[in-house]
Amino acid sequence: MSTQAPPGRAGTDEVAEQAVDDSTVAARGSIHAPTPKAWRAVVEPLVIIGLGVLWMLYVTHADLDSISKRVLTVSYVWQKTWEHIQLTVVSTLIVLLIAIPLGIVLSRRWARPATPVVLAIANIGQSAPAIGVVVLLAVIFGIGYWTAIVALVAYGVLPALRNTMVGLQQVDPTLIDAGRGIGMSAPKVLWRVELPLAAPVILAGTRTTLVLMVGTASIASFISGGGLGDLVTTGVSTQRTLVLLTGCILIALLALLVDWVGAMATRFLSPRGL
């Protein structure tokens, strides 16, 4: 005596099996196919660099007078771009070397009474106009590259400091107590528990500092610090619109590229599972 599936049951089983097969294929495809974020990680910097190259091709083939030709050569523009990158990277590294250890110290319970004083000092660079800070430091230390670096550090230390403190302060105290309860020392709890949990917020502060440094580094030209700000000031002083636009566009594109670098760093350096 043969056993037959009830009417409609066979069709249901076939549909279920087909759904399982489709989900398996979809899962396999999702493993190998790049996600939109992965595409963005590849395409975004290429688009930014491509826009810069296209603009420079347009500039070099434009009908320029003798002043604009002398300023808008590829070698000179690249030199100023490299100086701008150096200003951004060096000032950001110094900011992080100051802000992250100081933020760790101020997040400790015994150092919290000093927090308002330190934040008030760090806020001076943000509250005062950037050009005013640059001119004041130039009067004290003289003009040049390192005076511009000091001004940029004074202007950018607050975001990184605040994010470090906020990231550490928002760690759940029960996790810290659990770490101490299983025998971890205070430094080990800081290194193994607090800093990994605070890493996304700290990295976000680093990203903000990078973008802030790119824009603010243009004021270094006022004290002979170099950078793409030289193109902006030259364009204004000589009334050459194309020179001015070249400086502004390259600074904007560099800020977008640096923001992409910060986003990638946040994505890959943040601990997995957070």
C-alpha atoms as a PDB file:
ATOM      1  CA  MET A   1       0.000   0.000   0.000  1.00  0.00           C
ATOM      2  CA  SER A   2       1.603   3.225  -1.144  1.00  0.00           C
ATOM      3  CA  THR A   3       1.598   6.342   0.996  1.00  0.00           C
ATOM      4  CA  GLN A   4       0.797   9.566  -0.812  1.00  0.00           C
ATOM      5  CA  ALA A   5       1.279  13.050   0.476  1.00  0.00           C
ATOM      6  CA  PRO A   6      -1.905  14.951   1.167  1.00  0.00           C
ATOM      7  CA  PRO A   7      -3.086  17.238  -1.599  1.00  0.00           C
ATOM      8  CA  GLY A   8      -1.177  20.478  -1.487  1.00  0.00           C
ATOM      9  CA  ARG A   9       1.514  19.089   0.812  1.00  0.00           C
ATOM     10  CA  ALA A  10       3.869  18.210  -2.057  1.00  0.00           C
ATOM     11  CA  GLY A  11       3.535  21.699  -3.456  1.00  0.00           C
ATOM     12  CA  THR A  12       4.269  23.167  -0.039  1.00  0.00           C
ATOM     13  CA  ASP A  13       7.400  21.030   0.350  1.00  0.00           C
ATOM     14  CA  GLU A  14       8.627  22.056  -3.090  1.00  0.00           C
ATOM     15  CA  VAL A  15       8.092  25.722  -2.272  1.00  0.00           C
ATOM     16  CA  ALA A  16       9.954  25.326   1.036  1.00  0.00           C
ATOM     17  CA  GLU A  17      12.845  23.509  -0.656  1.00  0.00           C
ATOM     18  CA  GLN A  18      13.003  26.201  -3.343  1.00  0.00           C
ATOM     19  CA  ALA A  19      13.022  28.916  -0.660  1.00  0.00           C
ATOM     20  CA  VAL A  20      15.905  27.185   1.112  1.00  0.00           C
ATOM     21  CA  ASP A  21      17.822  26.914  -2.151  1.00  0.00           C
ATOM     22  CA  ASP A  22      17.157  30.563  -2.960  1.00  0.00           C
ATOM     23  CA  SER A  23      18.250  31.669   0.500  1.00  0.00           C
ATOM     24  CA  THR A  24      21.437  29.588   0.176  1.00  0.00           C
ATOM     25  CA  VAL A  25      22.243  31.144  -3.187  1.00  0.00           C
ATOM     26  CA  ALA A  26      21.527  34.591  -1.805  1.00  0.00           C
ATOM     27  CA  ALA A  27      23.751  33.937   1.206  1.00  0.00           C
ATOM     28  CA  ARG A  28      26.583  32.726  -1.010  1.00  0.00           C
ATOM     29  CA  GLY A  29      26.156  35.741  -3.237  1.00  0.00           C
ATOM     30  CA  SER A  30      26.233  38.074  -0.274  1.00  0.00           C
ATOM     31  CA  ILE A  31      29.551  36.573   0.790  1.00  0.00           C
ATOM     32  CA  HIS A  32      31.237  37.163  -2.543  1.00  0.00           C
ATOM     33  CA  ALA A  33      29.450  40.274  -3.798  1.00  0.00           C
ATOM     34  CA  PRO A  34      30.795  43.563  -2.419  1.00  0.00           C
ATOM     35  CA  THR A  35      28.433  45.489  -0.198  1.00  0.00           C
ATOM     36  CA  PRO A  36      27.503  49.106  -0.971  1.00  0.00           C
ATOM     37  CA  LYS A  37      29.853  50.235   1.803  1.00  0.00           C
ATOM     38  CA  ALA A  38      32.683  48.260   0.226  1.00  0.00           C
ATOM     39  CA  TRP A  39      31.953  49.873  -3.131  1.00  0.00           C
ATOM     40  CA  ARG A  40      31.912  53.274  -1.474  1.00  0.00           C
ATOM     41  CA  ALA A  41      35.247  52.568   0.198  1.00  0.00           C
ATOM     42  CA  VAL A  42      36.793  51.988  -3.231  1.00  0.00           C
ATOM     43  CA  VAL A  43      34.913  54.458  -5.405  1.00  0.00           C
ATOM     44  CA  GLU A  44      34.859  57.521  -3.131  1.00  0.00           C
ATOM     45  CA  PRO A  45      38.630  58.207  -3.063  1.00  0.00           C
ATOM     46  CA  LEU A  46      38.887  57.537  -6.801  1.00  0.00           C
ATOM     47  CA  VAL A  47      36.134  60.066  -7.488  1.00  0.00           C
ATOM     48  CA  ILE A  48      37.789  62.678  -5.241  1.00  0.00           C
ATOM     49  CA  ILE A  49      41.213  62.198  -6.842  1.00  0.00           C
ATOM     50  CA  GLY A  50      39.638  62.154 -10.293  1.00  0.00           C
ATOM     51  CA  LEU A  51      37.918  65.482  -9.676  1.00  0.00           C
ATOM     52  CA  GLY A  52      41.237  67.010  -8.612  1.00  0.00           C
ATOM     53  CA  VAL A  53      42.983  65.675 -11.721  1.00  0.00           C
ATOM     54  CA  LEU A  54      40.199  66.946 -13.990  1.00  0.00           C
ATOM     55  CA  TRP A  55      40.379  70.395 -12.436  1.00  0.00           C
ATOM     56  CA  MET A  56      44.141  70.561 -12.891  1.00  0.00           C
ATOM     57  CA  LEU A  57      43.771  69.461 -16.527  1.00  0.00           C
ATOM     58  CA  TYR A  58      41.292  72.255 -17.054  1.00  0.00           C
ATOM     59  CA  VAL A  59      43.560  74.789 -15.351  1.00  0.00           C
ATOM     60  CA  THR A  60      46.696  73.812 -17.254  1.00  0.00           C
ATOM     61  CA  HIS A  61      44.851  74.096 -20.589  1.00  0.00           C
ATOM     62  CA  ALA A  62      43.078  77.352 -19.781  1.00  0.00           C
ATOM     63  CA  ASP A  63      44.041  80.707 -21.252  1.00  0.00           C
ATOM     64  CA  LEU A  64      46.122  82.152 -18.403  1.00  0.00           C
ATOM     65  CA  ASP A  65      48.139  85.302 -17.997  1.00  0.00           C
ATOM     66  CA  SER A  66      51.790  85.244 -16.921  1.00  0.00           C
ATOM     67  CA  ILE A  67      51.029  85.464 -13.164  1.00  0.00           C
ATOM     68  CA  SER A  68      48.499  82.634 -13.208  1.00  0.00           C
ATOM     69  CA  LYS A  69      50.770  80.455 -15.344  1.00  0.00           C
ATOM     70  CA  ARG A  70      53.611  80.888 -12.864  1.00  0.00           C
ATOM     71  CA  VAL A  71      51.399  79.962  -9.898  1.00  0.00           C
ATOM     72  CA  LEU A  72      49.286  77.205 -11.435  1.00  0.00           C
ATOM     73  CA  THR A  73      52.043  74.908 -12.651  1.00  0.00           C
ATOM     74  CA  VAL A  74      51.563  71.267 -11.683  1.00  0.00           C
ATOM     75  CA  SER A  75      54.831  71.167  -9.737  1.00  0.00           C
ATOM     76  CA  TYR A  76      53.968  74.266  -7.671  1.00  0.00           C
ATOM     77  CA  VAL A  77      50.417  73.109  -6.925  1.00  0.00           C
ATOM     78  CA  TRP A  78      51.699  69.665  -5.900  1.00  0.00           C
ATOM     79  CA  GLN A  79      54.309  71.294  -3.656  1.00  0.00           C
ATOM     80  CA  LYS A  80      51.624  73.327  -1.893  1.00  0.00           C
ATOM     81  CA  THR A  81      49.355  70.279  -1.614  1.00  0.00           C
ATOM     82  CA  TRP A  82      52.172  68.263  -0.035  1.00  0.00           C
ATOM     83  CA  GLU A  83      52.893  71.108   2.403  1.00  0.00           C
ATOM     84  CA  HIS A  84      49.196  71.153   3.321  1.00  0.00           C
ATOM     85  CA  ILE A  85      49.212  67.401   3.936  1.00  0.00           C
ATOM     86  CA  GLN A  86      52.306  67.754   6.127  1.00  0.00           C
ATOM     87  CA  LEU A  87      50.683  70.523   8.162  1.00  0.00           C
ATOM     88  CA  THR A  88      47.570  68.386   8.642  1.00  0.00           C
ATOM     89  CA  VAL A  89      49.331  65.132   9.544  1.00  0.00           C
ATOM     90  CA  VAL A  90      51.968  66.611  11.870  1.00  0.00           C
ATOM     91  CA  SER A  91      49.495  68.808  13.753  1.00  0.00           C
ATOM     92  CA  THR A  92      46.997  65.939  14.082  1.00  0.00           C
ATOM     93  CA  LEU A  93      49.653  63.562  15.438  1.00  0.00           C
ATOM     94  CA  ILE A  94      50.736  66.131  18.022  1.00  0.00           C
ATOM     95  CA  VAL A  95      47.104  66.762  18.974  1.00  0.00           C
ATOM     96  CA  LEU A  96      46.503  63.043  19.496  1.00  0.00           C
ATOM     97  CA  LEU A  97      49.710  62.626  21.505  1.00  0.00           C
ATOM     98  CA  ILE A  98      48.472  65.391  23.808  1.00  0.00           C
ATOM     99  CA  ALA A  99      44.708  64.839  23.866  1.00  0.00           C
ATOM    100  CA  ILE A 100      44.381  61.059  24.225  1.00  0.00           C
ATOM    101  CA  PRO A 101      46.743  60.582  27.226  1.00  0.00           C
ATOM    102  CA  LEU A 102      45.356  63.750  28.835  1.00  0.00           C
ATOM    103  CA  GLY A 103      41.793  62.535  28.272  1.00  0.00           C
ATOM    104  CA  ILE A 104      42.650  59.184  29.863  1.00  0.00           C
ATOM    105  CA  VAL A 105      44.108  60.924  32.902  1.00  0.00           C
ATOM    106  CA  LEU A 106      41.134  63.287  33.271  1.00  0.00           C
ATOM    107  CA  SER A 107      38.700  60.355  33.076  1.00  0.00           C
ATOM    108  CA  ARG A 108      40.220  58.886  36.249  1.00  0.00           C
ATOM    109  CA  ARG A 109      38.251  59.659  39.387  1.00  0.00           C
ATOM    110  CA  TRP A 110      41.182  61.210  41.234  1.00  0.00           C
ATOM    111  CA  ALA A 111      41.842  63.707  38.405  1.00  0.00           C
ATOM    112  CA  ARG A 112      38.290  64.883  37.793  1.00  0.00           C
ATOM    113  CA  PRO A 113      38.592  68.067  39.908  1.00  0.00           C
ATOM    114  CA  ALA A 114      41.150  69.324  37.379  1.00  0.00           C
ATOM    115  CA  THR A 115      38.827  68.722  34.420  1.00  0.00           C
ATOM    116  CA  PRO A 116      37.166  72.193  34.285  1.00  0.00           C
ATOM    117  CA  VAL A 117      40.522  73.956  34.371  1.00  0.00           C
ATOM    118  CA  VAL A 118      42.043  71.799  31.608  1.00  0.00           C
ATOM    119  CA  LEU A 119      38.950  72.115  29.409  1.00  0.00           C
ATOM    120  CA  ALA A 120      38.944  75.880  29.881  1.00  0.00           C
ATOM    121  CA  ILE A 121      42.561  76.056  28.705  1.00  0.00           C
ATOM    122  CA  ALA A 122      41.881  73.714  25.776  1.00  0.00           C
ATOM    123  CA  ASN A 123      38.862  75.798  24.813  1.00  0.00           C
ATOM    124  CA  ILE A 124      40.969  78.917  24.262  1.00  0.00           C
ATOM    125  CA  GLY A 125      42.016  77.766  20.816  1.00  0.00           C
ATOM    126  CA  GLN A 126      38.407  77.064  19.812  1.00  0.00           C
ATOM    127  CA  SER A 127      36.850  80.182  21.308  1.00  0.00           C
ATOM    128  CA  ALA A 128      39.375  82.623  19.817  1.00  0.00           C
ATOM    129  CA  PRO A 129      39.361  83.241  16.041  1.00  0.00           C
ATOM    130  CA  ALA A 130      41.884  81.002  14.295  1.00  0.00           C
ATOM    131  CA  ILE A 131      43.551  83.898  12.508  1.00  0.00           C
ATOM    132  CA  GLY A 132      43.877  85.727  15.829  1.00  0.00           C
ATOM    133  CA  VAL A 133      45.634  82.739  17.394  1.00  0.00           C
ATOM    134  CA  VAL A 134      48.002  82.513  14.419  1.00  0.00           C
ATOM    135  CA  VAL A 135      48.889  86.206  14.523  1.00  0.00           C
ATOM    136  CA  LEU A 136      49.385  86.148  18.304  1.00  0.00           C
ATOM    137  CA  LEU A 137      51.707  83.145  18.118  1.00  0.00           C
ATOM    138  CA  ALA A 138      53.568  84.722  15.207  1.00  0.00           C
ATOM    139  CA  VAL A 139      54.211  87.786  17.364  1.00  0.00           C
ATOM    140  CA  ILE A 140      55.503  85.578  20.195  1.00  0.00           C
ATOM    141  CA  PHE A 141      57.453  82.909  18.275  1.00  0.00           C
ATOM    142  CA  GLY A 142      57.950  84.488  14.855  1.00  0.00           C
ATOM    143  CA  ILE A 143      56.601  83.382  11.503  1.00  0.00           C
ATOM    144  CA  GLY A 144      57.216  79.992   9.949  1.00  0.00           C
ATOM    145  CA  TYR A 145      56.164  76.354   9.714  1.00  0.00           C
ATOM    146  CA  TRP A 146      56.388  75.398  13.401  1.00  0.00           C
ATOM    147  CA  THR A 147      54.468  78.454  14.550  1.00  0.00           C
ATOM    148  CA  ALA A 148      51.671  77.345  12.231  1.00  0.00           C
ATOM    149  CA  ILE A 149      51.858  73.849  13.750  1.00  0.00           C
ATOM    150  CA  VAL A 150      51.532  75.273  17.279  1.00  0.00           C
ATOM    151  CA  ALA A 151      48.511  77.323  16.203  1.00  0.00           C
ATOM    152  CA  LEU A 152      46.857  74.283  14.606  1.00  0.00           C
ATOM    153  CA  VAL A 153      47.479  72.171  17.709  1.00  0.00           C
ATOM    154  CA  ALA A 154      45.971  74.867  19.939  1.00  0.00           C
ATOM    155  CA  TYR A 155      42.940  74.996  17.645  1.00  0.00           C
ATOM    156  CA  GLY A 156      42.386  71.233  17.309  1.00  0.00           C
ATOM    157  CA  VAL A 157      43.110  69.745  20.733  1.00  0.00           C
ATOM    158  CA  LEU A 158      39.614  70.238  22.193  1.00  0.00           C
ATOM    159  CA  PRO A 159      37.576  67.830  19.963  1.00  0.00           C
ATOM    160  CA  ALA A 160      40.019  64.959  20.468  1.00  0.00           C
ATOM    161  CA  LEU A 161      40.238  65.628  24.214  1.00  0.00           C
ATOM    162  CA  ARG A 162      36.470  65.757  24.686  1.00  0.00           C
ATOM    163  CA  ASN A 163      35.836  62.614  22.657  1.00  0.00           C
ATOM    164  CA  THR A 164      38.458  60.693  24.620  1.00  0.00           C
ATOM    165  CA  MET A 165      36.891  61.733  27.910  1.00  0.00           C
ATOM    166  CA  VAL A 166      33.322  61.067  26.750  1.00  0.00           C
ATOM    167  CA  GLY A 167      34.233  57.674  25.307  1.00  0.00           C
ATOM    168  CA  LEU A 168      35.840  56.530  28.561  1.00  0.00           C
ATOM    169  CA  GLN A 169      33.164  58.010  30.799  1.00  0.00           C
ATOM    170  CA  GLN A 170      30.344  56.239  28.976  1.00  0.00           C
ATOM    171  CA  VAL A 171      31.796  52.773  29.617  1.00  0.00           C
ATOM    172  CA  ASP A 172      29.421  50.790  31.822  1.00  0.00           C
ATOM    173  CA  PRO A 173      30.825  50.793  35.402  1.00  0.00           C
ATOM    174  CA  THR A 174      29.610  47.226  35.924  1.00  0.00           C
ATOM    175  CA  LEU A 175      32.034  46.049  33.221  1.00  0.00           C
ATOM    176  CA  ILE A 176      34.890  47.794  35.009  1.00  0.00           C
ATOM    177  CA  ASP A 177      33.847  46.202  38.314  1.00  0.00           C
ATOM    178  CA  ALA A 178      33.628  42.825  36.599  1.00  0.00           C
ATOM    179  CA  GLY A 179      37.171  43.212  35.285  1.00  0.00           C
ATOM    180  CA  ARG A 180      38.454  44.129  38.723  1.00  0.00           C
ATOM    181  CA  GLY A 181      36.483  41.254  40.192  1.00  0.00           C
ATOM    182  CA  ILE A 182      38.257  38.646  38.092  1.00  0.00           C
ATOM    183  CA  GLY A 183      41.632  39.938  39.231  1.00  0.00           C
ATOM    184  CA  MET A 184      42.577  42.530  36.596  1.00  0.00           C
ATOM    185  CA  SER A 185      44.690  45.454  37.715  1.00  0.00           C
ATOM    186  CA  ALA A 186      43.507  49.003  37.000  1.00  0.00           C
ATOM    187  CA  PRO A 187      45.901  49.467  34.024  1.00  0.00           C
ATOM    188  CA  LYS A 188      44.795  46.133  32.574  1.00  0.00           C
ATOM    189  CA  VAL A 189      41.121  47.076  32.929  1.00  0.00           C
ATOM    190  CA  LEU A 190      41.874  50.342  31.148  1.00  0.00           C
ATOM    191  CA  TRP A 191      43.715  48.585  28.322  1.00  0.00           C
ATOM    192  CA  ARG A 192      41.488  45.503  27.954  1.00  0.00           C
ATOM    193  CA  VAL A 193      38.037  46.879  28.805  1.00  0.00           C
ATOM    194  CA  GLU A 194      37.729  50.671  28.778  1.00  0.00           C
ATOM    195  CA  LEU A 195      39.805  51.646  25.747  1.00  0.00           C
ATOM    196  CA  PRO A 196      38.295  49.009  23.394  1.00  0.00           C
ATOM    197  CA  LEU A 197      34.780  50.097  24.372  1.00  0.00           C
ATOM    198  CA  ALA A 198      35.684  53.786  23.997  1.00  0.00           C
ATOM    199  CA  ALA A 199      37.557  53.291  20.711  1.00  0.00           C
ATOM    200  CA  PRO A 200      34.664  54.238  18.349  1.00  0.00           C
ATOM    201  CA  VAL A 201      34.127  57.563  20.112  1.00  0.00           C
ATOM    202  CA  ILE A 202      37.875  58.290  20.279  1.00  0.00           C
ATOM    203  CA  LEU A 203      38.259  57.486  16.584  1.00  0.00           C
ATOM    204  CA  ALA A 204      35.331  59.770  15.774  1.00  0.00           C
ATOM    205  CA  GLY A 205      37.171  62.563  17.576  1.00  0.00           C
ATOM    206  CA  THR A 206      40.293  61.787  15.553  1.00  0.00           C
ATOM    207  CA  ARG A 207      38.278  61.989  12.335  1.00  0.00           C
ATOM    208  CA  THR A 208      36.838  65.348  13.367  1.00  0.00           C
ATOM    209  CA  THR A 209      40.306  66.633  14.222  1.00  0.00           C
ATOM    210  CA  LEU A 210      41.689  65.570  10.832  1.00  0.00           C
ATOM    211  CA  VAL A 211      38.990  67.405   8.887  1.00  0.00           C
ATOM    212  CA  LEU A 212      39.325  70.447  11.151  1.00  0.00           C
ATOM    213  CA  MET A 213      43.073  70.543  10.567  1.00  0.00           C
ATOM    214  CA  VAL A 214      42.688  70.440   6.775  1.00  0.00           C
ATOM    215  CA  GLY A 215      40.453  73.492   6.747  1.00  0.00           C
ATOM    216  CA  THR A 216      42.373  75.430   9.376  1.00  0.00           C
ATOM    217  CA  ALA A 217      45.783  74.714   7.820  1.00  0.00           C
ATOM    218  CA  SER A 218      44.977  77.238   5.085  1.00  0.00           C
ATOM    219  CA  ILE A 219      45.666  80.074   7.556  1.00  0.00           C
ATOM    220  CA  ALA A 220      49.320  78.988   7.742  1.00  0.00           C
ATOM    221  CA  SER A 221      49.940  81.056   4.617  1.00  0.00           C
ATOM    222  CA  PHE A 222      49.485  84.264   6.643  1.00  0.00           C
ATOM    223  CA  ILE A 223      52.684  83.492   8.585  1.00  0.00           C
ATOM    224  CA  SER A 224      54.683  81.841   5.787  1.00  0.00           C
ATOM    225  CA  GLY A 225      53.735  78.346   6.919  1.00  0.00           C
ATOM    226  CA  GLY A 226      53.020  77.040   3.411  1.00  0.00           C
ATOM    227  CA  GLY A 227      50.126  74.944   2.229  1.00  0.00           C
ATOM    228  CA  LEU A 228      47.288  75.468  -0.210  1.00  0.00           C
ATOM    229  CA  GLY A 229      46.385  78.674   1.584  1.00  0.00           C
ATOM    230  CA  ASP A 230      49.179  80.290  -0.447  1.00  0.00           C
ATOM    231  CA  LEU A 231      47.061  79.813  -3.570  1.00  0.00           C
ATOM    232  CA  VAL A 232      44.064  81.415  -1.863  1.00  0.00           C
ATOM    233  CA  THR A 233      45.979  84.443  -0.626  1.00  0.00           C
ATOM    234  CA  THR A 234      47.745  84.833  -3.989  1.00  0.00           C
ATOM    235  CA  GLY A 235      44.448  84.673  -5.822  1.00  0.00           C
ATOM    236  CA  VAL A 236      42.935  87.324  -3.544  1.00  0.00           C
ATOM    237  CA  SER A 237      45.921  89.679  -3.589  1.00  0.00           C
ATOM    238  CA  THR A 238      46.422  89.486  -7.369  1.00  0.00           C
ATOM    239  CA  GLN A 239      42.689  89.267  -8.175  1.00  0.00           C
ATOM    240  CA  ARG A 240      43.153  86.020 -10.103  1.00  0.00           C
ATOM    241  CA  THR A 241      39.891  84.111  -9.721  1.00  0.00           C
ATOM    242  CA  LEU A 242      41.197  80.861 -11.189  1.00  0.00           C
ATOM    243  CA  VAL A 243      44.100  80.782  -8.710  1.00  0.00           C
ATOM    244  CA  LEU A 244      41.685  81.422  -5.836  1.00  0.00           C
ATOM    245  CA  LEU A 245      39.289  78.720  -7.031  1.00  0.00           C
ATOM    246  CA  THR A 246      42.128  76.219  -7.432  1.00  0.00           C
ATOM    247  CA  GLY A 247      43.196  76.688  -3.813  1.00  0.00           C
ATOM    248  CA  CYS A 248      39.637  76.463  -2.480  1.00  0.00           C
ATOM    249  CA  ILE A 249      38.701  73.427  -4.574  1.00  0.00           C
ATOM    250  CA  LEU A 250      41.844  71.500  -3.687  1.00  0.00           C
ATOM    251  CA  ILE A 251      41.372  72.232   0.026  1.00  0.00           C
ATOM    252  CA  ALA A 252      37.766  70.999  -0.181  1.00  0.00           C
ATOM    253  CA  LEU A 253      38.786  67.832  -2.059  1.00  0.00           C
ATOM    254  CA  LEU A 254      41.602  67.191   0.401  1.00  0.00           C
ATOM    255  CA  ALA A 255      39.140  67.548   3.291  1.00  0.00           C
ATOM    256  CA  LEU A 256      36.844  64.987   1.659  1.00  0.00           C
ATOM    257  CA  LEU A 257      39.769  62.615   1.121  1.00  0.00           C
ATOM    258  CA  VAL A 258      40.937  62.993   4.714  1.00  0.00           C
ATOM    259  CA  ASP A 259      37.380  62.405   5.942  1.00  0.00           C
ATOM    260  CA  TRP A 260      37.346  59.165   3.922  1.00  0.00           C
ATOM    261  CA  VAL A 261      40.639  58.130   5.534  1.00  0.00           C
ATOM    262  CA  GLY A 262      39.127  58.835   8.960  1.00  0.00           C
ATOM    263  CA  ALA A 263      36.026  56.819   8.102  1.00  0.00           C
ATOM    264  CA  MET A 264      38.124  53.856   6.992  1.00  0.00           C
ATOM    265  CA  ALA A 265      40.234  54.085  10.143  1.00  0.00           C
ATOM    266  CA  THR A 266      37.092  54.140  12.288  1.00  0.00           C
ATOM    267  CA  ARG A 267      35.714  51.142  10.421  1.00  0.00           C
ATOM    268  CA  PHE A 268      38.821  48.946  10.587  1.00  0.00           C
ATOM    269  CA  LEU A 269      40.321  49.994  13.930  1.00  0.00           C
ATOM    270  CA  SER A 270      37.129  49.746  15.988  1.00  0.00           C
ATOM    271  CA  PRO A 271      36.985  46.434  17.892  1.00  0.00           C
ATOM    272  CA  ARG A 272      34.717  43.871  16.279  1.00  0.00           C
ATOM    273  CA  GLY A 273      31.323  43.303  17.874  1.00  0.00           C
ATOM    274  CA  LEU A 274      30.914  46.851  19.216  1.00  0.00           C
END
